[in-house]
N, C-alpha and C. Protein backbone atom coordinates (compact mmCIF):
# COMPACT_ATOMS: atom_id res chain seq x y z
N UNK A 1 85.04 -58.97 131.58
CA UNK A 1 85.24 -58.95 130.04
C UNK A 1 84.91 -57.97 129.21
N UNK A 2 83.36 -57.66 129.26
CA UNK A 2 82.81 -56.78 128.87
C UNK A 2 83.42 -55.33 128.86
N UNK A 3 83.83 -54.97 129.95
CA UNK A 3 84.78 -53.65 130.05
C UNK A 3 86.00 -53.72 129.53
N UNK A 4 86.54 -54.89 129.22
CA UNK A 4 87.63 -54.76 128.83
C UNK A 4 87.47 -55.28 127.59
N UNK A 5 86.63 -55.16 127.01
CA UNK A 5 86.10 -55.03 124.66
C UNK A 5 85.31 -53.62 124.52
N UNK A 6 84.96 -52.85 125.78
CA UNK A 6 84.91 -51.85 125.41
C UNK A 6 86.04 -50.65 125.13
N UNK A 7 86.88 -51.26 125.99
CA UNK A 7 87.68 -50.46 126.46
C UNK A 7 88.89 -50.81 125.20
N UNK A 8 89.03 -51.60 124.78
CA UNK A 8 89.99 -51.79 123.66
C UNK A 8 89.27 -51.48 122.36
N UNK A 9 87.77 -51.77 121.96
CA UNK A 9 87.54 -50.77 120.97
C UNK A 9 87.70 -49.32 120.67
N UNK A 10 87.92 -48.71 121.99
CA UNK A 10 88.02 -46.78 121.92
C UNK A 10 89.29 -46.57 122.03
N UNK A 11 90.14 -47.31 121.88
CA UNK A 11 91.92 -47.74 122.38
C UNK A 11 92.06 -48.32 120.04
N UNK A 12 91.41 -49.43 119.84
CA UNK A 12 91.85 -49.60 118.83
C UNK A 12 91.07 -48.88 117.41
N UNK A 13 90.44 -47.91 117.61
CA UNK A 13 90.47 -46.36 116.64
C UNK A 13 91.51 -46.08 116.64
N UNK A 14 91.82 -45.55 117.99
CA UNK A 14 93.11 -44.64 117.48
C UNK A 14 94.21 -44.98 116.84
N UNK A 15 94.18 -46.46 117.31
CA UNK A 15 95.73 -47.62 116.82
C UNK A 15 95.21 -47.55 115.62
N UNK A 16 94.35 -47.89 114.85
CA UNK A 16 93.83 -47.57 113.66
C UNK A 16 93.98 -46.32 112.77
N UNK A 17 93.92 -45.64 113.13
CA UNK A 17 94.16 -44.26 112.87
C UNK A 17 95.75 -44.21 112.76
N UNK A 18 96.28 -44.44 113.97
CA UNK A 18 97.63 -44.36 113.80
C UNK A 18 98.83 -45.17 112.76
N UNK A 19 97.88 -46.33 112.57
CA UNK A 19 98.90 -47.12 111.32
C UNK A 19 98.37 -46.76 110.05
N UNK A 20 97.26 -46.05 109.76
CA UNK A 20 97.00 -45.46 108.07
C UNK A 20 97.30 -44.00 108.44
N UNK A 21 97.90 -43.44 109.29
CA UNK A 21 98.98 -42.34 108.89
C UNK A 21 100.26 -42.61 108.31
N UNK A 22 100.72 -43.60 108.00
CA UNK A 22 101.53 -44.38 107.48
C UNK A 22 102.13 -44.60 106.36
N UNK A 23 100.74 -44.86 105.79
CA UNK A 23 100.70 -44.76 104.66
C UNK A 23 98.75 -45.98 104.17
N UNK A 24 98.30 -45.74 103.01
CA UNK A 24 96.85 -46.51 102.81
C UNK A 24 97.19 -48.10 102.94
N UNK A 25 96.59 -48.71 103.35
CA UNK A 25 96.30 -50.53 103.51
C UNK A 25 94.66 -50.79 103.24
N UNK A 26 94.61 -52.27 103.23
CA UNK A 26 93.47 -52.67 103.10
C UNK A 26 93.15 -53.15 104.20
N UNK A 27 91.62 -53.71 104.66
CA UNK A 27 91.30 -54.26 105.76
C UNK A 27 92.62 -55.22 106.46
N UNK A 28 92.55 -56.05 105.48
CA UNK A 28 93.28 -57.41 106.03
C UNK A 28 94.44 -56.66 106.61
N UNK A 29 95.18 -56.28 105.80
CA UNK A 29 96.33 -55.60 106.43
C UNK A 29 96.73 -55.00 107.58
N UNK A 30 95.71 -53.92 107.99
CA UNK A 30 95.13 -53.34 109.31
C UNK A 30 95.32 -54.27 110.02
N UNK A 31 94.42 -55.46 109.78
CA UNK A 31 94.15 -56.49 110.95
C UNK A 31 95.88 -57.50 111.40
N UNK A 32 96.60 -57.50 110.26
CA UNK A 32 97.81 -58.24 110.06
C UNK A 32 98.75 -57.49 111.10
N UNK A 33 98.79 -55.83 110.99
CA UNK A 33 99.57 -54.86 111.47
C UNK A 33 99.26 -54.88 112.73
N UNK A 34 97.89 -54.62 113.24
CA UNK A 34 98.00 -54.61 114.90
C UNK A 34 97.91 -56.22 115.28
N UNK A 35 97.74 -57.35 114.95
CA UNK A 35 98.64 -58.28 115.53
C UNK A 35 99.83 -58.45 115.69
N UNK A 36 100.86 -57.66 114.55
CA UNK A 36 102.12 -57.85 114.84
C UNK A 36 102.24 -56.99 115.68
N UNK A 37 101.70 -56.10 115.95
CA UNK A 37 101.56 -55.15 116.99
C UNK A 37 101.64 -55.59 118.57
N UNK A 38 100.80 -56.74 118.65
CA UNK A 38 100.33 -57.69 119.65
C UNK A 38 99.08 -57.52 120.36
N UNK A 39 98.27 -57.08 119.34
CA UNK A 39 96.53 -57.21 119.44
C UNK A 39 96.26 -59.24 119.04
N UNK A 40 97.10 -59.94 119.44
CA UNK A 40 96.52 -61.09 118.64
C UNK A 40 95.45 -61.74 118.40
N UNK A 41 94.67 -61.50 119.33
CA UNK A 41 93.20 -61.93 119.12
C UNK A 41 91.91 -61.14 118.22
N UNK A 42 92.96 -59.93 117.74
CA UNK A 42 91.95 -59.02 116.81
C UNK A 42 91.78 -59.74 115.45
N UNK A 43 90.74 -59.76 115.00
CA UNK A 43 90.14 -60.61 113.77
C UNK A 43 89.18 -59.35 112.93
N UNK A 44 89.43 -60.25 111.52
CA UNK A 44 88.49 -59.06 110.94
C UNK A 44 87.20 -58.51 111.22
N UNK A 45 86.35 -59.33 111.91
CA UNK A 45 84.98 -59.06 112.67
C UNK A 45 85.27 -57.88 113.38
N UNK A 46 86.28 -57.58 114.11
CA UNK A 46 86.53 -56.33 115.20
C UNK A 46 86.54 -55.61 114.51
N UNK A 47 87.82 -55.56 113.45
CA UNK A 47 88.55 -54.13 112.76
C UNK A 47 87.33 -53.39 111.57
N UNK A 48 86.54 -54.45 110.87
CA UNK A 48 85.59 -53.85 110.08
C UNK A 48 84.51 -53.07 110.17
N UNK A 49 83.78 -52.96 111.30
CA UNK A 49 83.15 -52.45 112.18
C UNK A 49 83.53 -50.78 112.58
N UNK A 50 84.25 -51.01 112.79
CA UNK A 50 85.53 -49.73 113.29
C UNK A 50 86.03 -49.00 111.97
N UNK A 51 86.42 -49.83 110.90
CA UNK A 51 86.93 -48.85 110.00
C UNK A 51 85.67 -48.03 109.04
N UNK A 52 84.25 -49.12 109.26
CA UNK A 52 83.21 -48.30 108.86
C UNK A 52 82.47 -46.94 109.33
N UNK A 53 82.88 -47.02 110.93
CA UNK A 53 82.60 -46.07 111.63
C UNK A 53 83.31 -44.73 111.37
N UNK A 54 84.61 -45.31 111.69
CA UNK A 54 85.59 -44.30 111.16
C UNK A 54 85.58 -42.97 109.76
N UNK A 55 85.28 -44.08 108.43
CA UNK A 55 84.83 -43.70 107.60
C UNK A 55 83.27 -42.62 107.40
N UNK A 56 82.55 -43.03 108.12
CA UNK A 56 80.84 -42.17 108.37
C UNK A 56 81.40 -40.90 109.12
N UNK A 57 82.44 -41.33 109.88
CA UNK A 57 82.91 -39.67 110.85
C UNK A 57 83.56 -39.19 110.05
N UNK A 58 83.45 -39.03 108.81
CA UNK A 58 85.11 -38.45 107.83
C UNK A 58 86.34 -38.75 108.38
N UNK A 59 87.42 -39.57 109.10
CA UNK A 59 87.83 -39.92 109.23
C UNK A 59 89.24 -40.34 108.22
N UNK A 60 88.45 -41.87 107.63
CA UNK A 60 88.85 -41.82 106.96
C UNK A 60 88.30 -41.89 105.30
N UNK A 61 88.95 -42.20 104.55
CA UNK A 61 88.14 -42.49 103.22
C UNK A 61 88.90 -43.90 102.61
N UNK A 62 88.64 -44.36 101.20
CA UNK A 62 88.41 -45.53 100.95
C UNK A 62 88.49 -45.23 99.35
N UNK A 63 89.30 -45.88 98.77
CA UNK A 63 89.43 -46.60 97.21
C UNK A 63 89.21 -47.69 96.89
N UNK A 64 88.34 -48.33 96.42
CA UNK A 64 87.90 -50.05 95.98
C UNK A 64 88.93 -49.59 94.89
N UNK A 65 89.31 -51.10 94.72
CA UNK A 65 90.51 -51.56 93.66
C UNK A 65 90.58 -52.94 93.10
N UNK A 66 90.22 -53.34 92.45
CA UNK A 66 90.43 -54.98 91.68
C UNK A 66 91.49 -55.18 92.81
N UNK A 67 91.30 -56.99 92.93
CA UNK A 67 91.69 -57.67 93.47
C UNK A 67 91.79 -59.11 92.81
N UNK A 68 93.13 -59.65 92.41
CA UNK A 68 93.69 -60.95 91.97
C UNK A 68 92.91 -61.90 92.17
N UNK A 69 92.35 -61.84 94.17
CA UNK A 69 92.13 -63.13 94.65
C UNK A 69 90.43 -62.74 95.11
N UNK A 70 89.89 -62.33 94.41
CA UNK A 70 88.21 -61.96 94.76
C UNK A 70 87.94 -60.63 94.34
N UNK A 71 86.79 -60.44 95.28
CA UNK A 71 86.16 -59.10 95.33
C UNK A 71 87.15 -57.82 95.43
N UNK A 72 86.66 -56.26 94.69
CA UNK A 72 87.72 -55.31 94.90
C UNK A 72 87.97 -54.87 96.53
N UNK A 73 88.92 -54.52 96.64
CA UNK A 73 89.40 -54.34 98.00
C UNK A 73 89.15 -52.88 98.17
N UNK A 74 89.13 -52.63 99.29
CA UNK A 74 88.92 -50.77 99.84
C UNK A 74 90.41 -50.64 100.74
N UNK A 75 90.65 -49.80 99.84
CA UNK A 75 91.97 -49.36 100.02
C UNK A 75 91.91 -47.98 100.95
N UNK A 76 92.26 -48.27 102.18
CA UNK A 76 91.82 -46.98 103.14
C UNK A 76 93.00 -46.02 103.46
N UNK A 77 92.39 -44.81 103.52
CA UNK A 77 93.64 -43.60 103.62
C UNK A 77 93.03 -42.71 104.96
N UNK A 78 93.86 -41.74 105.53
CA UNK A 78 93.89 -41.15 106.57
C UNK A 78 93.38 -40.02 105.95
N UNK A 79 92.00 -39.00 106.82
CA UNK A 79 91.80 -37.84 105.85
C UNK A 79 92.40 -36.61 106.94
N UNK A 80 92.83 -35.65 106.64
CA UNK A 80 93.06 -34.52 107.69
C UNK A 80 92.59 -34.21 109.17
N UNK A 81 91.18 -34.55 108.84
CA UNK A 81 90.01 -34.67 110.07
C UNK A 81 90.66 -35.89 111.26
N UNK A 82 90.71 -37.14 110.05
CA UNK A 82 91.20 -37.97 110.93
C UNK A 82 92.69 -37.86 111.55
N UNK A 83 93.48 -37.11 111.09
CA UNK A 83 95.30 -36.95 111.52
C UNK A 83 94.85 -36.36 112.61
N UNK A 84 93.57 -34.87 112.78
CA UNK A 84 93.20 -34.15 113.80
C UNK A 84 93.26 -35.01 114.82
N UNK A 85 91.89 -36.14 114.56
CA UNK A 85 91.53 -37.24 115.81
C UNK A 85 92.26 -37.71 115.74
N UNK A 86 93.51 -38.01 115.30
CA UNK A 86 94.92 -39.14 116.18
C UNK A 86 95.36 -38.38 116.76
N UNK A 87 95.89 -37.34 116.41
CA UNK A 87 96.41 -35.83 117.82
C UNK A 87 95.92 -35.79 118.79
N UNK A 88 94.29 -35.92 118.93
CA UNK A 88 93.82 -35.52 120.25
C UNK A 88 94.39 -36.70 120.78
N UNK A 89 93.73 -37.64 119.98
CA UNK A 89 93.80 -39.67 120.76
C UNK A 89 95.28 -39.64 121.42
N UNK A 90 96.11 -39.11 120.76
CA UNK A 90 97.37 -39.41 121.25
C UNK A 90 97.78 -38.12 122.43
N UNK A 91 96.78 -37.15 122.50
CA UNK A 91 97.22 -36.14 123.61
C UNK A 91 96.41 -36.52 124.67
N UNK A 92 95.54 -37.29 124.43
CA UNK A 92 94.20 -37.83 125.75
C UNK A 92 95.41 -39.09 125.87
N UNK A 93 95.85 -40.01 125.52
CA UNK A 93 96.52 -41.45 125.84
C UNK A 93 97.72 -41.09 126.58
N UNK A 94 98.61 -39.97 126.41
CA UNK A 94 99.73 -39.64 127.00
C UNK A 94 99.25 -39.18 128.27
N UNK A 95 97.76 -38.97 128.16
CA UNK A 95 97.51 -38.11 129.56
C UNK A 95 96.95 -38.80 130.65
N UNK A 96 95.99 -39.57 130.13
CA UNK A 96 95.61 -41.28 131.06
C UNK A 96 96.26 -42.07 131.21
N UNK A 97 97.17 -42.47 130.30
CA UNK A 97 98.04 -43.82 130.21
C UNK A 97 99.26 -43.04 131.82
N UNK A 98 99.48 -41.86 131.72
CA UNK A 98 100.66 -40.94 132.52
C UNK A 98 100.07 -41.33 134.37
N UNK A 99 98.62 -41.12 134.00
CA UNK A 99 97.74 -41.02 135.31
C UNK A 99 97.58 -42.40 135.98
N UNK A 100 97.39 -42.90 135.37
CA UNK A 100 96.99 -45.33 135.13
C UNK A 100 98.76 -45.33 136.01
N UNK A 101 99.41 -45.33 135.09
CA UNK A 101 100.66 -45.48 135.93
C UNK A 101 101.18 -44.99 136.60
N UNK A 102 101.04 -43.76 136.98
CA UNK A 102 101.74 -43.21 138.21
C UNK A 102 100.56 -43.84 139.41
N UNK A 103 99.20 -44.39 139.58
CA UNK A 103 98.36 -45.07 140.58
C UNK A 103 99.36 -45.96 140.81
N UNK A 104 99.21 -46.80 139.59
CA UNK A 104 99.93 -48.71 139.77
C UNK A 104 101.28 -48.10 140.40
N UNK A 105 102.19 -47.49 139.94
CA UNK A 105 103.47 -47.52 140.57
C UNK A 105 103.41 -47.01 142.14
N UNK A 106 102.63 -45.83 142.31
CA UNK A 106 102.60 -46.24 143.90
C UNK A 106 101.98 -46.84 145.13
N UNK A 107 100.78 -47.80 144.49
CA UNK A 107 100.24 -48.54 144.60
C UNK A 107 100.42 -49.64 144.90
N UNK A 108 101.31 -49.93 143.87
CA UNK A 108 101.63 -51.75 143.68
C UNK A 108 102.97 -51.63 144.32
């Protein structure tokens, strides 16, 4: 299970960048988007540390805006560096998933 968790964290970084490439949004909406794409077990405790890491790496930036329901919200945007990282992620994913799928089809 630990191996799955580590693998998932790396994949979620790319998925979050992809989601944000469609437009800005705040953390809760990112979590809900991931759930809508089938990551049903994902929650804020998983996503927020990834957002912080991506922001520290310069792949995302955020603006704080007032919220009617509580404290200000951070609205995240992907940076140019984030778009470059997303392209690298996409290329890497296509390469690796193609190889894994080939092995699985040939063996199973």
